[in-house]
Every structure is written in C-alpha cells, then in structure tokens.
Amino acid sequence: MANPSAESVRLPSTRTLSRGIQGFLLCSIVGIAVGLSWKRPDHLPFLASHIRWDFALLLLPLLALDYVLGGLRYRLFFDGAMLPRVSLWDCMRSNWANIFMGAVTPFQTGGGPAQLYILWRCGARLSDSMLISLINFGATLIFFLGSTMAAEMLLPANLFGPDVTPFLRGSFVVVGGAVGLVLLALLYPAAGLAMLRPALRGVPWKSRRELPLRERILRALESGTERFREDFRWILKRRPWLLGASVLATFALFSNKYLMGYAVARALGQEVPLGVFVGLQIIQLFLIYFAPTPGASGVAELSSVWLFATMMPTDVLLVYALAWRFVTTVLGAMIGGAVLVLEVRRKAPPNS
C-alpha cells in the first residue's frame, strides 16, 4: 500500500482550476461563435420537432458503457495480484477525474495527475498508477495510429479537402513519436524519466508554499523507478495477456464513443451511413487529441463543422457538434468535477 509520508499527490490550486474552467468555456464559446457565423442553424424549431427519441435514449446505455470501459482499463491491472486491488468503481472515479482535469488544462496535461491522485487515495502507489497510465496511453496511441491509417485508406477521397492530408501526416509523426517515448519509458524507466522532466516543465501548477506539482510527481517517480521496472517485468512475465486486454478495452472504449456520435446524429434525424460516419470520427479524434486548448475546446467544435459538412446539412452541423461534445466530454467533466470536490473534502487516505 502507498505510504503518504513517502508519496504526496496534490491537486492544483483552486485558482488554477478556475482559470482552466474559464479557458475551457472561453475556447468553447469562441468555437461555437465561429461555427454560428460559418454554418448558422436557421430552422431549430423544425429540427427539434424531428428528434428521434429512440436514438436519443440509446445514448444512456452507451454513456454507461463508456464510463465502465474507461474504468475497466485500469481495473484489469489493479486486481490485487501484483498491484494493489482497486475497485472498478474507484477506477471509474479516477477516469472521471481524468476527464475533468483534461478538459480544463491545455494539451490535457492535468488529466493524468488527477487520475493518479484518485488512485493514490484508493491505495495505489504513484509508480503503480503511472505504469498503468503509460500502458493505457500507449494502447490509445497505437489504436489511434492503426484506426486512422485504416480510415484514411478506406474512406472515399472526396470526403477530404486538400488541407486534411498534411494535417494527418503531421499528426502521424507526433503520435508515432509519442508511442516511441511511451515504449522507452516502459522498457527503460530511468531514461523515460529523463525525457519526462522537460515535458513536465510546461505544467503551470505552482504553489508558494510547496514544490510545483511536476517536481513532486518527478520526485515520487524517481523514488519508485525500481518498483516501476519490477512491476512491468512481472506483467510481461506472468500476465502478458493484460497488455492485449488493454488494447482490446481501448478498442471497445473508442468504438463505443464513435457509436455515441452516430447515435447523436441519428437522434437529430440524420440518415448518415455508419461506416463513413465512424471513419470521419476516427480522423477527428486523432486530429484533436493533442489540441493545445483546454480539453480541445473550440477545436473540437470547429472540426465537427469542418469534417462533417459533407454528411449533414448546415442547419444541423452546429447542433450536432454541441450535442456530441456534451455527451462525450462535458457530462463526464461535470461528473469528474464533482468527484474531485468530494474527494478533496475527505480526510487522509485510508492507508495512512
């Protein structure tokens, strides 16, 4: 079990969170405003009268499955065999915290530390949580690379403008480099930490009384490097199937997210082809994954209007973008914010 005297994980200040929320809202409003001027919905009453409630209700089980799969990717490893036992519910709570902090920090820099905080409060060492976060992050990047390459080859060429291909190629380079860094950190954690230190310098969480969050994370990771190495070797030797299970859970997680987007479009009365629509969503999420705004706000809304212009009429585009954004990000961020508020009100972790 984690020893709070040896490891300390803290959230950023209320001021930092407030600025992040303001940035998320501001960028979202800017994206919506640009979308309104670009693709103004002129027949909202007509659109509201043609909502398909069967698809709207389908979003409820899809949302529940999304949250379960998000927690399951961590529960697979925190089963009490080598790593501490953390319940599926607590893994889901950590995932909600991840969604919230990812939504209010640039490049989603805060999502990971918020998840580490919840898992630490539930008895996991920081090195344990960081290991599983890296494994799942690597699985996500590998899935994005493979699925986006497949979508680019299988989708009709006339769906893309001439500017999409350079964006895709540049994103392939960025994501491929990130996969290499993840593998380096997993196989050679000391070298990975050396690479991680300059990357964490961009996290602006500081306190006048304490070390910046990035330094506290790095110190804890440096002290747990040996355990990190031993745990990964144990997984490779005793349970290598867990790595494949992580990739499968990631595939199921994002496939479900794509189905949520499809259900939103069908709920708005749009007869969109499932395969092509999912392919466009794959490319969209790939392009905005490293967007520099808080939670990809603004970028997500505009990319929806841009990519799906050939699939839906002008009156529907912005409504779709807002509804899709709410079910895939905003709702989870709201739940994650409540999780963090309740968590910080608790006393010391039960393993103290």
Protein backbone atom coordinates (compact mmCIF):
# COMPACT_ATOMS: atom_id res chain seq x y z
CA MET A 1 0.00 0.00 0.00
CA ALA A 2 1.06 3.56 -0.58
CA ASN A 3 2.69 5.42 2.22
CA PRO A 4 1.56 9.06 2.33
CA SER A 5 4.72 10.02 4.15
CA ALA A 6 6.75 8.83 1.19
CA GLU A 7 4.43 9.92 -1.59
CA SER A 8 2.25 13.01 -1.76
CA VAL A 9 -0.06 13.77 -4.64
CA ARG A 10 -1.94 17.05 -4.58
CA LEU A 11 -4.29 18.79 -6.93
CA PRO A 12 -3.58 22.24 -8.38
CA SER A 13 -4.87 25.30 -6.55
CA THR A 14 -8.46 26.49 -6.81
CA ARG A 15 -7.18 29.50 -8.76
CA THR A 16 -5.56 27.24 -11.34
CA LEU A 17 -8.72 25.14 -11.68
CA SER A 18 -10.80 28.29 -12.05
CA ARG A 19 -8.55 29.57 -14.83
CA GLY A 20 -8.74 26.22 -16.59
CA ILE A 21 -12.53 26.15 -16.44
CA GLN A 22 -12.67 29.72 -17.73
CA GLY A 23 -10.31 28.81 -20.57
CA PHE A 24 -12.42 25.76 -21.46
CA LEU A 25 -15.60 27.85 -21.53
CA LEU A 26 -13.96 30.71 -23.44
CA CYS A 27 -12.49 28.48 -26.16
CA SER A 28 -15.79 26.59 -26.46
CA ILE A 29 -17.72 29.85 -26.83
CA VAL A 30 -15.28 31.10 -29.47
CA GLY A 31 -15.61 27.83 -31.38
CA ILE A 32 -19.41 28.00 -31.19
CA ALA A 33 -19.44 31.65 -32.27
CA VAL A 34 -17.24 30.92 -35.29
CA GLY A 35 -19.39 27.91 -36.10
CA LEU A 36 -22.55 30.04 -35.91
CA SER A 37 -21.12 32.58 -38.33
CA TRP A 38 -19.93 29.78 -40.61
CA LYS A 39 -22.84 27.33 -40.52
CA ARG A 40 -25.79 29.14 -38.94
CA PRO A 41 -28.72 26.83 -37.99
CA ASP A 42 -31.83 28.57 -39.34
CA HIS A 43 -34.54 26.00 -38.62
CA LEU A 44 -34.08 24.95 -34.98
CA PRO A 45 -37.82 24.55 -34.22
CA PHE A 46 -38.17 22.22 -37.21
CA LEU A 47 -35.11 20.26 -36.11
CA ALA A 48 -36.44 19.93 -32.56
CA SER A 49 -39.72 18.52 -33.84
CA HIS A 50 -37.91 15.78 -35.75
CA ILE A 51 -35.75 14.37 -32.95
CA ARG A 52 -35.51 10.56 -32.98
CA TRP A 53 -36.10 9.69 -29.34
CA ASP A 54 -35.19 6.03 -29.83
CA PHE A 55 -31.62 7.04 -30.70
CA ALA A 56 -31.60 9.73 -28.01
CA LEU A 57 -32.49 7.11 -25.37
CA LEU A 58 -29.84 4.77 -26.82
CA LEU A 59 -27.26 7.27 -25.60
CA LEU A 60 -27.99 6.32 -21.97
CA PRO A 61 -26.61 2.74 -22.13
CA LEU A 62 -23.81 3.92 -24.43
CA LEU A 63 -22.80 6.55 -21.83
CA ALA A 64 -22.87 3.96 -19.05
CA LEU A 65 -20.73 1.59 -21.13
CA ASP A 66 -18.30 4.43 -21.88
CA TYR A 67 -17.73 5.09 -18.18
CA VAL A 68 -17.44 1.39 -17.31
CA LEU A 69 -14.88 0.74 -20.06
CA GLY A 70 -12.90 3.82 -19.01
CA GLY A 71 -12.55 2.37 -15.51
CA LEU A 72 -12.10 -1.23 -16.68
CA ARG A 73 -8.84 -0.38 -18.45
CA TYR A 74 -7.36 0.31 -15.01
CA ARG A 75 -9.23 -2.36 -13.06
CA LEU A 76 -7.67 -5.03 -15.32
CA PHE A 77 -4.31 -4.32 -13.67
CA PHE A 78 -5.37 -3.26 -10.16
CA ASP A 79 -6.69 -6.71 -9.26
CA GLY A 80 -4.62 -7.39 -6.14
CA ALA A 81 -2.23 -9.88 -7.78
CA MET A 82 0.90 -7.75 -8.13
CA LEU A 83 -0.57 -4.28 -7.90
CA PRO A 84 -2.98 -3.18 -5.14
CA ARG A 85 -6.66 -4.01 -5.50
CA VAL A 86 -8.72 -1.01 -6.59
CA SER A 87 -12.43 -1.48 -7.23
CA LEU A 88 -13.99 -0.88 -10.62
CA TRP A 89 -16.00 1.99 -9.12
CA ASP A 90 -12.85 3.74 -7.87
CA CYS A 91 -11.21 3.22 -11.26
CA MET A 92 -14.27 4.81 -12.84
CA ARG A 93 -14.00 7.74 -10.42
CA SER A 94 -10.35 8.19 -11.38
CA ASN A 95 -11.37 8.19 -15.05
CA TRP A 96 -13.98 10.89 -14.42
CA ALA A 97 -11.35 12.97 -12.64
CA ASN A 98 -9.11 12.46 -15.65
CA ILE A 99 -11.86 13.72 -17.98
CA PHE A 100 -12.48 16.80 -15.85
CA MET A 101 -8.86 17.85 -15.48
CA GLY A 102 -8.15 17.03 -19.11
CA ALA A 103 -10.99 19.38 -20.05
CA VAL A 104 -9.63 22.36 -18.11
CA THR A 105 -5.90 22.13 -18.88
CA PRO A 106 -4.04 22.73 -22.18
CA PHE A 107 -2.99 19.57 -24.07
CA GLN A 108 -4.95 17.65 -21.37
CA THR A 109 -1.87 17.97 -19.12
CA GLY A 110 -3.92 17.79 -15.93
CA GLY A 111 -5.89 14.68 -16.75
CA GLY A 112 -3.17 12.19 -15.81
CA PRO A 113 -2.20 13.75 -12.44
CA ALA A 114 -5.86 13.96 -11.40
CA GLN A 115 -6.27 10.26 -12.14
CA LEU A 116 -3.09 9.45 -10.23
CA TYR A 117 -4.45 11.43 -7.28
CA ILE A 118 -7.67 9.40 -7.06
CA LEU A 119 -5.85 6.08 -7.45
CA TRP A 120 -3.33 7.10 -4.78
CA ARG A 121 -6.17 7.94 -2.43
CA CYS A 122 -7.51 4.43 -3.09
CA GLY A 123 -4.25 2.72 -2.07
CA ALA A 124 -2.15 2.60 -5.25
CA ARG A 125 1.43 3.78 -5.29
CA LEU A 126 2.23 6.63 -7.62
CA SER A 127 4.65 4.40 -9.55
CA ASP A 128 1.90 1.74 -9.94
CA SER A 129 -0.61 4.26 -11.28
CA MET A 130 1.94 5.85 -13.58
CA LEU A 131 2.84 2.44 -15.03
CA ILE A 132 -0.75 1.54 -15.86
CA SER A 133 -1.42 5.06 -17.18
CA LEU A 134 1.53 4.69 -19.55
CA ILE A 135 0.36 1.25 -20.70
CA ASN A 136 -3.16 2.52 -21.42
CA PHE A 137 -1.82 5.70 -23.01
CA GLY A 138 0.36 3.60 -25.30
CA ALA A 139 -2.62 1.39 -26.16
CA THR A 140 -4.64 4.52 -27.02
CA LEU A 141 -1.93 5.90 -29.30
CA ILE A 142 -1.46 2.56 -31.06
CA PHE A 143 -5.21 2.30 -31.59
CA PHE A 144 -5.33 5.84 -32.98
CA LEU A 145 -2.48 5.18 -35.40
CA GLY A 146 -3.92 1.92 -36.70
CA SER A 147 -7.54 3.05 -36.93
CA THR A 148 -6.71 6.40 -38.55
CA MET A 149 -4.49 4.78 -41.20
CA ALA A 150 -7.31 2.34 -41.96
CA ALA A 151 -9.88 5.15 -42.13
CA GLU A 152 -7.71 7.21 -44.46
CA MET A 153 -7.33 4.25 -46.84
CA LEU A 154 -10.97 3.10 -46.74
CA LEU A 155 -12.89 6.38 -46.80
CA PRO A 156 -13.76 7.97 -50.17
CA ALA A 157 -11.15 10.55 -51.16
CA ASN A 158 -13.79 13.17 -51.99
CA LEU A 159 -14.70 13.47 -48.29
CA PHE A 160 -11.48 15.33 -47.54
CA GLY A 161 -10.32 18.71 -48.62
CA PRO A 162 -6.73 19.24 -49.84
CA ASP A 163 -5.69 20.54 -46.41
CA VAL A 164 -6.55 17.37 -44.47
CA THR A 165 -3.69 15.19 -45.71
CA PRO A 166 -0.85 17.44 -44.38
CA PHE A 167 -2.62 17.58 -41.01
CA LEU A 168 -2.88 13.80 -40.92
CA ARG A 169 0.75 13.26 -41.86
CA GLY A 170 1.93 15.74 -39.25
CA SER A 171 -0.27 14.04 -36.65
CA PHE A 172 1.15 10.62 -37.59
CA VAL A 173 4.65 11.94 -36.85
CA VAL A 174 3.59 13.42 -33.49
CA VAL A 175 1.66 10.35 -32.34
CA GLY A 176 4.33 7.96 -33.62
CA GLY A 177 6.95 9.89 -31.64
CA ALA A 178 4.73 9.71 -28.55
CA VAL A 179 4.42 5.92 -28.95
CA GLY A 180 8.22 5.68 -29.06
CA LEU A 181 8.52 7.72 -25.87
CA VAL A 182 5.97 5.54 -24.09
CA LEU A 183 7.84 2.36 -25.07
CA LEU A 184 11.09 3.94 -23.91
CA ALA A 185 9.56 4.83 -20.55
CA LEU A 186 8.16 1.31 -20.10
CA LEU A 187 11.34 -0.55 -21.07
CA TYR A 188 13.86 1.93 -19.64
CA PRO A 189 12.09 3.94 -16.91
CA ALA A 190 15.21 5.88 -15.90
CA ALA A 191 15.65 7.14 -19.46
CA GLY A 192 11.93 7.81 -19.66
CA LEU A 193 12.08 9.98 -16.55
CA ALA A 194 14.95 11.95 -18.06
CA MET A 195 12.73 12.61 -21.10
CA LEU A 196 9.69 13.34 -18.94
CA ARG A 197 11.30 16.06 -16.85
CA PRO A 198 11.47 18.72 -19.62
CA ALA A 199 7.97 17.72 -20.79
CA LEU A 200 6.51 18.38 -17.35
CA ARG A 201 8.03 21.84 -17.21
CA GLY A 202 5.08 23.01 -19.23
CA VAL A 203 2.63 22.14 -16.44
CA PRO A 204 1.87 25.51 -14.77
CA TRP A 205 0.78 24.19 -11.37
CA LYS A 206 2.72 26.05 -8.73
CA SER A 207 2.31 26.85 -5.08
CA ARG A 208 4.09 29.44 -2.94
CA ARG A 209 4.38 27.00 -0.06
CA GLU A 210 5.17 23.78 -1.88
CA LEU A 211 7.18 22.47 -4.82
CA PRO A 212 5.43 22.67 -8.19
CA LEU A 213 3.28 19.63 -8.88
CA ARG A 214 5.60 18.49 -11.67
CA GLU A 215 8.54 18.34 -9.24
CA ARG A 216 6.54 16.40 -6.66
CA ILE A 217 5.48 13.90 -9.35
CA LEU A 218 9.06 13.53 -10.61
CA ARG A 219 10.48 13.02 -7.12
CA ALA A 220 7.90 10.36 -6.36
CA LEU A 221 8.56 8.63 -9.68
CA GLU A 222 12.32 8.74 -9.17
CA SER A 223 11.92 7.07 -5.79
CA GLY A 224 9.66 4.42 -7.33
CA THR A 225 11.63 3.75 -10.50
CA GLU A 226 12.79 0.31 -9.36
CA ARG A 227 9.29 -0.76 -8.41
CA PHE A 228 8.03 0.59 -11.75
CA ARG A 229 10.59 -1.60 -13.56
CA GLU A 230 9.80 -4.67 -11.46
CA ASP A 231 6.04 -4.31 -11.92
CA PHE A 232 6.32 -4.05 -15.71
CA ARG A 233 8.65 -7.04 -15.87
CA TRP A 234 6.19 -9.01 -13.74
CA ILE A 235 3.36 -8.17 -16.14
CA LEU A 236 5.48 -9.19 -19.14
CA LYS A 237 6.47 -12.48 -17.49
CA ARG A 238 3.34 -13.54 -15.61
CA ARG A 239 0.44 -11.78 -17.33
CA PRO A 240 1.39 -10.58 -20.81
CA TRP A 241 -2.21 -11.08 -21.88
CA LEU A 242 -3.08 -7.96 -19.86
CA LEU A 243 -1.31 -5.83 -22.48
CA GLY A 244 -3.53 -7.30 -25.19
CA ALA A 245 -6.57 -6.86 -22.95
CA SER A 246 -5.68 -3.18 -22.56
CA VAL A 247 -5.61 -2.75 -26.35
CA LEU A 248 -8.95 -4.59 -26.71
CA ALA A 249 -10.54 -2.49 -23.94
CA THR A 250 -9.24 0.63 -25.68
CA PHE A 251 -10.72 -0.55 -28.98
CA ALA A 252 -14.07 -1.15 -27.27
CA LEU A 253 -13.92 2.20 -25.46
CA PHE A 254 -13.36 4.31 -28.57
CA SER A 255 -15.67 2.22 -30.74
CA ASN A 256 -18.38 2.97 -28.20
CA LYS A 257 -17.52 6.70 -28.37
CA TYR A 258 -17.93 6.58 -32.14
CA LEU A 259 -21.31 4.88 -31.73
CA MET A 260 -22.30 7.69 -29.36
CA GLY A 261 -21.53 10.23 -32.08
CA TYR A 262 -23.53 8.20 -34.58
CA ALA A 263 -26.47 7.98 -32.15
CA VAL A 264 -26.37 11.78 -31.71
CA ALA A 265 -26.54 12.28 -35.48
CA ARG A 266 -29.40 9.79 -35.84
CA ALA A 267 -31.23 11.39 -32.89
CA LEU A 268 -31.13 14.65 -34.86
CA GLY A 269 -32.90 12.87 -37.73
CA GLN A 270 -29.85 12.40 -39.97
CA GLU A 271 -29.67 9.28 -42.16
CA VAL A 272 -25.87 9.03 -42.11
CA PRO A 273 -24.00 5.86 -43.22
CA LEU A 274 -22.48 4.18 -40.17
CA GLY A 275 -19.12 3.18 -41.71
CA VAL A 276 -18.29 6.54 -43.28
CA PHE A 277 -19.50 8.46 -40.24
CA VAL A 278 -17.36 6.40 -37.86
CA GLY A 279 -14.37 6.82 -40.18
CA LEU A 280 -14.71 10.60 -40.03
CA GLN A 281 -14.97 10.47 -36.23
CA ILE A 282 -11.77 8.42 -36.08
CA ILE A 283 -9.93 11.10 -38.04
CA GLN A 284 -11.48 13.90 -35.98
CA LEU A 285 -10.45 12.49 -32.60
CA PHE A 286 -6.99 11.73 -33.95
CA LEU A 287 -6.52 15.32 -35.14
CA ILE A 288 -7.73 16.96 -31.91
CA TYR A 289 -6.09 14.56 -29.42
CA PHE A 290 -3.15 16.91 -28.83
CA ALA A 291 -5.06 20.15 -29.38
CA PRO A 292 -3.46 22.97 -27.31
CA THR A 293 -6.71 24.39 -25.91
CA PRO A 294 -8.26 23.15 -22.62
CA GLY A 295 -9.99 19.89 -23.43
CA ALA A 296 -9.61 20.66 -27.17
CA SER A 297 -12.38 23.23 -26.67
CA GLY A 298 -13.09 25.29 -29.74
CA VAL A 299 -11.01 22.95 -31.89
CA ALA A 300 -13.46 20.06 -31.32
CA GLU A 301 -16.50 22.15 -32.24
CA LEU A 302 -14.91 23.63 -35.36
CA SER A 303 -13.51 20.29 -36.54
CA SER A 304 -17.01 18.79 -36.31
CA VAL A 305 -18.42 21.54 -38.51
CA TRP A 306 -15.49 21.18 -40.92
CA LEU A 307 -15.28 17.39 -41.28
CA PHE A 308 -19.00 16.58 -41.31
CA ALA A 309 -20.05 19.30 -43.76
CA THR A 310 -20.47 16.66 -46.48
CA MET A 311 -22.56 14.41 -44.22
CA MET A 312 -25.14 16.74 -42.67
CA PRO A 313 -26.98 19.91 -43.74
CA THR A 314 -25.88 23.31 -42.48
CA ASP A 315 -28.83 23.61 -40.09
CA VAL A 316 -27.75 20.50 -38.21
CA LEU A 317 -23.95 20.79 -38.08
CA LEU A 318 -23.51 23.08 -35.09
CA VAL A 319 -26.33 21.44 -33.13
CA TYR A 320 -24.65 18.09 -33.71
CA ALA A 321 -21.27 19.48 -32.60
CA LEU A 322 -22.73 20.83 -29.34
CA ALA A 323 -24.73 17.68 -28.55
CA TRP A 324 -21.79 15.38 -29.38
CA ARG A 325 -19.44 17.50 -27.27
CA PHE A 326 -21.84 17.36 -24.32
CA VAL A 327 -22.29 13.59 -24.25
CA THR A 328 -18.64 12.71 -24.93
CA THR A 329 -16.84 15.34 -22.81
CA VAL A 330 -18.87 17.93 -20.90
CA LEU A 331 -21.07 15.49 -18.97
CA GLY A 332 -18.09 13.36 -17.92
CA ALA A 333 -16.19 16.51 -16.94
CA MET A 334 -19.10 17.62 -14.77
CA ILE A 335 -19.15 14.25 -13.01
CA GLY A 336 -15.35 14.37 -12.64
CA GLY A 337 -15.53 17.83 -11.10
CA ALA A 338 -17.99 16.54 -8.51
CA VAL A 339 -15.75 13.52 -7.83
CA LEU A 340 -12.75 15.75 -7.15
CA VAL A 341 -14.72 18.14 -4.92
CA LEU A 342 -15.97 15.23 -2.81
CA GLU A 343 -12.52 13.63 -2.72
CA VAL A 344 -10.63 16.69 -1.51
CA ARG A 345 -13.15 17.12 1.30
CA ARG A 346 -12.21 13.72 2.68
CA LYS A 347 -9.52 13.29 5.29
CA ALA A 348 -6.22 11.44 4.75
CA PRO A 349 -6.24 8.28 2.62
CA PRO A 350 -7.45 5.10 4.38
CA ASN A 351 -3.96 3.59 4.12
CA SER A 352 -2.29 6.42 6.07
